[in-house]
């Protein structure tokens, strides 16, 4: 899938440029962003992997984090568990990438909790099914980079039942019902 940057609707805020609000493109070209997952294999070990091809944008305002937004598109055929035969099996048996070539996440809100932490809420689409999920988010940092740009980075992890997305992993056993998804996002301010 050709890397493509997808536009992010900022609910009319794109023409307003507050001192601290900024729009970012997720840095996938230089591999400074990752979408990783892990799931138990038969209850005996963890199988880890990632999606190599994804793109997206986000908006972040340090003074008003609740106004933040993110939009990410994932090429499901880019699944990589470091074992080509297993990757093919996952594409065909579990993700059905011919029929569902794309997964996505689009935030609908950010909530600042009493302890100062952030929770991102949004619509996650996988295997043709869209459901709302919540992702606790931590800011890693932000600042000037050595190339004259400005960057911000965040990490968030969530878990969900893959059966909720119409994916049957019955043969892997009950320990494999949930998958953990981690988004490590570094963006370049536009």
Protein backbone atom coordinates (compact mmCIF):
# COMPACT_ATOMS: atom_id res chain seq x y z
CA UNK A 1 0.00 0.00 0.00
CA UNK A 2 1.46 3.33 -0.97
CA UNK A 3 1.99 5.44 2.10
CA UNK A 4 -0.69 8.06 2.05
CA UNK A 5 -1.41 10.83 4.49
CA UNK A 6 -5.07 11.05 5.33
CA UNK A 7 -6.66 14.41 6.09
CA UNK A 8 -8.00 15.00 9.56
CA UNK A 9 -11.12 17.04 10.09
CA UNK A 10 -10.53 19.32 13.02
CA UNK A 11 -14.15 20.32 13.51
CA UNK A 12 -13.58 23.74 12.01
CA UNK A 13 -10.45 24.43 14.05
CA UNK A 14 -8.11 24.21 11.06
CA UNK A 15 -8.46 27.94 10.31
CA UNK A 16 -7.83 28.89 13.94
CA UNK A 17 -4.24 28.61 15.10
CA UNK A 18 -4.02 29.04 18.88
CA UNK A 19 -0.53 29.46 20.27
CA UNK A 20 -0.31 25.87 21.48
CA UNK A 21 -2.57 23.97 19.08
CA UNK A 22 -0.86 22.12 16.25
CA UNK A 23 -1.49 19.54 13.57
CA UNK A 24 0.95 16.67 13.13
CA UNK A 25 1.64 14.01 10.50
CA UNK A 26 2.56 10.64 11.99
CA UNK A 27 6.19 9.91 11.09
CA UNK A 28 5.96 6.53 9.39
CA UNK A 29 8.46 7.41 6.65
CA UNK A 30 11.38 7.38 9.10
CA UNK A 31 9.85 4.59 11.21
CA UNK A 32 9.31 6.69 14.32
CA UNK A 33 5.82 5.34 14.90
CA UNK A 34 4.61 1.80 15.54
CA UNK A 35 1.39 -0.17 15.84
CA UNK A 36 2.18 -3.34 17.74
CA UNK A 37 0.00 -6.16 19.04
CA UNK A 38 0.31 -9.25 21.19
CA UNK A 39 -1.97 -12.19 21.83
CA UNK A 40 -1.50 -15.40 23.77
CA UNK A 41 -0.75 -18.51 21.75
CA UNK A 42 -2.61 -21.50 23.21
CA UNK A 43 -2.10 -20.00 26.68
CA UNK A 44 1.58 -21.04 26.59
CA UNK A 45 3.32 -17.94 25.26
CA UNK A 46 2.80 -14.53 23.71
CA UNK A 47 2.81 -13.99 19.98
CA UNK A 48 3.81 -10.44 19.08
CA UNK A 49 3.63 -8.55 15.84
CA UNK A 50 3.10 -5.21 14.20
CA UNK A 51 1.59 -3.52 11.17
CA UNK A 52 4.31 -2.15 8.93
CA UNK A 53 2.16 0.09 6.75
CA UNK A 54 -0.08 2.75 8.25
CA UNK A 55 -0.55 6.49 8.03
CA UNK A 56 -2.36 9.21 9.86
CA UNK A 57 -2.52 12.61 11.45
CA UNK A 58 -3.28 14.09 14.83
CA UNK A 59 -4.00 17.43 16.42
CA UNK A 60 -2.70 18.27 19.87
CA UNK A 61 -3.06 21.29 22.12
CA UNK A 62 -1.08 21.08 25.36
CA UNK A 63 -3.26 23.80 26.90
CA UNK A 64 -6.50 22.05 25.92
CA UNK A 65 -5.79 18.31 25.43
CA UNK A 66 -9.52 17.53 25.36
CA UNK A 67 -9.62 19.20 21.90
CA UNK A 68 -7.07 16.71 20.51
CA UNK A 69 -7.95 14.34 17.67
CA UNK A 70 -6.33 11.47 15.73
CA UNK A 71 -7.11 9.56 12.56
CA UNK A 72 -5.12 6.44 11.56
CA UNK A 73 -5.51 4.01 8.64
CA UNK A 74 -3.79 0.60 8.74
CA UNK A 75 -3.02 -1.72 5.82
CA UNK A 76 -3.98 -5.07 7.39
CA UNK A 77 -1.92 -7.04 4.82
CA UNK A 78 1.19 -5.43 6.30
CA UNK A 79 0.94 -7.64 9.40
CA UNK A 80 4.42 -8.79 10.44
CA UNK A 81 5.13 -11.35 13.19
CA UNK A 82 8.67 -12.05 11.98
CA UNK A 83 7.58 -15.38 10.43
CA UNK A 84 6.30 -15.26 6.82
CA UNK A 85 4.25 -18.47 6.99
CA UNK A 86 2.41 -17.31 10.12
CA UNK A 87 1.85 -13.86 8.58
CA UNK A 88 0.21 -15.50 5.55
CA UNK A 89 -1.97 -17.59 7.87
CA UNK A 90 -3.03 -14.50 9.85
CA UNK A 91 -3.84 -12.60 6.63
CA UNK A 92 -5.97 -15.43 5.26
CA UNK A 93 -7.50 -17.10 8.33
CA UNK A 94 -7.99 -14.29 10.81
CA UNK A 95 -7.81 -10.88 9.12
CA UNK A 96 -9.23 -11.89 5.71
CA UNK A 97 -7.21 -9.06 4.16
CA UNK A 98 -8.57 -9.63 0.64
CA UNK A 99 -12.03 -8.68 1.88
CA UNK A 100 -10.96 -6.26 4.65
CA UNK A 101 -7.74 -4.57 3.48
CA UNK A 102 -7.93 -1.70 5.93
CA UNK A 103 -8.39 -1.12 9.65
CA UNK A 104 -8.81 2.35 11.11
CA UNK A 105 -9.12 4.37 14.26
CA UNK A 106 -10.75 7.80 14.46
CA UNK A 107 -11.02 9.52 17.79
CA UNK A 108 -14.33 10.96 18.91
CA UNK A 109 -13.11 12.50 22.18
CA UNK A 110 -10.23 12.87 24.60
CA UNK A 111 -10.92 12.88 28.29
CA UNK A 112 -8.64 14.33 30.92
CA UNK A 113 -8.99 12.27 34.06
CA UNK A 114 -8.83 13.58 37.64
CA UNK A 115 -5.23 12.35 37.98
CA UNK A 116 -4.22 14.30 34.83
CA UNK A 117 -3.99 11.25 32.57
CA UNK A 118 -5.67 11.19 29.16
CA UNK A 119 -8.05 8.64 27.68
CA UNK A 120 -8.66 8.65 23.95
CA UNK A 121 -12.08 7.38 22.85
CA UNK A 122 -12.89 6.57 19.27
CA UNK A 123 -14.21 4.25 16.58
CA UNK A 124 -11.96 1.31 15.76
CA UNK A 125 -12.77 -0.59 12.57
CA UNK A 126 -11.32 -4.08 12.06
CA UNK A 127 -12.53 -6.96 9.90
CA UNK A 128 -15.40 -4.78 8.65
CA UNK A 129 -16.76 -4.13 12.16
CA UNK A 130 -16.67 -0.75 13.92
CA UNK A 131 -16.80 -0.47 17.70
CA UNK A 132 -15.97 2.22 20.20
CA UNK A 133 -12.80 1.63 22.21
CA UNK A 134 -10.93 3.61 24.87
CA UNK A 135 -7.16 3.94 24.92
CA UNK A 136 -5.30 5.38 27.94
CA UNK A 137 -2.68 7.73 26.48
CA UNK A 138 0.61 9.01 27.88
CA UNK A 139 2.59 11.86 26.40
CA UNK A 140 6.18 10.80 25.82
CA UNK A 141 7.46 14.27 25.00
CA UNK A 142 7.56 17.13 22.56
CA UNK A 143 10.07 19.65 21.28
CA UNK A 144 12.40 20.74 18.51
CA UNK A 145 14.15 18.05 16.49
CA UNK A 146 17.71 18.29 15.03
CA UNK A 147 16.36 18.97 11.52
CA UNK A 148 14.50 22.20 12.25
CA UNK A 149 11.12 20.60 12.89
CA UNK A 150 8.95 20.15 15.95
CA UNK A 151 7.74 16.76 17.15
CA UNK A 152 5.36 15.31 19.72
CA UNK A 153 5.06 11.69 20.80
CA UNK A 154 2.45 9.63 22.61
CA UNK A 155 1.91 6.00 23.55
CA UNK A 156 -1.32 4.20 24.32
CA UNK A 157 -2.37 0.59 24.87
CA UNK A 158 -5.75 -1.04 24.87
CA UNK A 159 -7.14 -4.55 24.77
CA UNK A 160 -10.29 -5.92 23.24
CA UNK A 161 -12.00 -9.22 22.46
CA UNK A 162 -11.30 -10.10 18.86
CA UNK A 163 -14.57 -12.03 18.62
CA UNK A 164 -16.29 -8.62 18.92
CA UNK A 165 -14.86 -7.94 15.45
CA UNK A 166 -16.08 -11.21 13.95
CA UNK A 167 -12.69 -12.94 14.16
CA UNK A 168 -12.84 -16.56 15.34
CA UNK A 169 -9.76 -17.81 17.17
CA UNK A 170 -11.52 -20.80 18.77
CA UNK A 171 -8.77 -23.21 17.83
CA UNK A 172 -6.25 -21.12 19.78
CA UNK A 173 -8.12 -21.55 23.06
CA UNK A 174 -9.73 -19.22 25.60
CA UNK A 175 -6.43 -17.51 26.50
CA UNK A 176 -6.41 -16.05 22.96
CA UNK A 177 -9.74 -14.23 23.21
CA UNK A 178 -8.17 -10.83 23.90
CA UNK A 179 -5.59 -8.94 21.90
CA UNK A 180 -3.46 -6.07 23.18
CA UNK A 181 -2.86 -3.19 20.78
CA UNK A 182 -0.16 -0.56 21.38
CA UNK A 183 0.11 2.68 19.43
CA UNK A 184 3.48 4.45 19.70
CA UNK A 185 2.98 7.64 17.74
CA UNK A 186 5.53 10.35 16.91
CA UNK A 187 4.29 13.21 14.79
CA UNK A 188 5.92 16.05 12.89
CA UNK A 189 4.20 19.40 13.33
CA UNK A 190 2.88 20.85 10.08
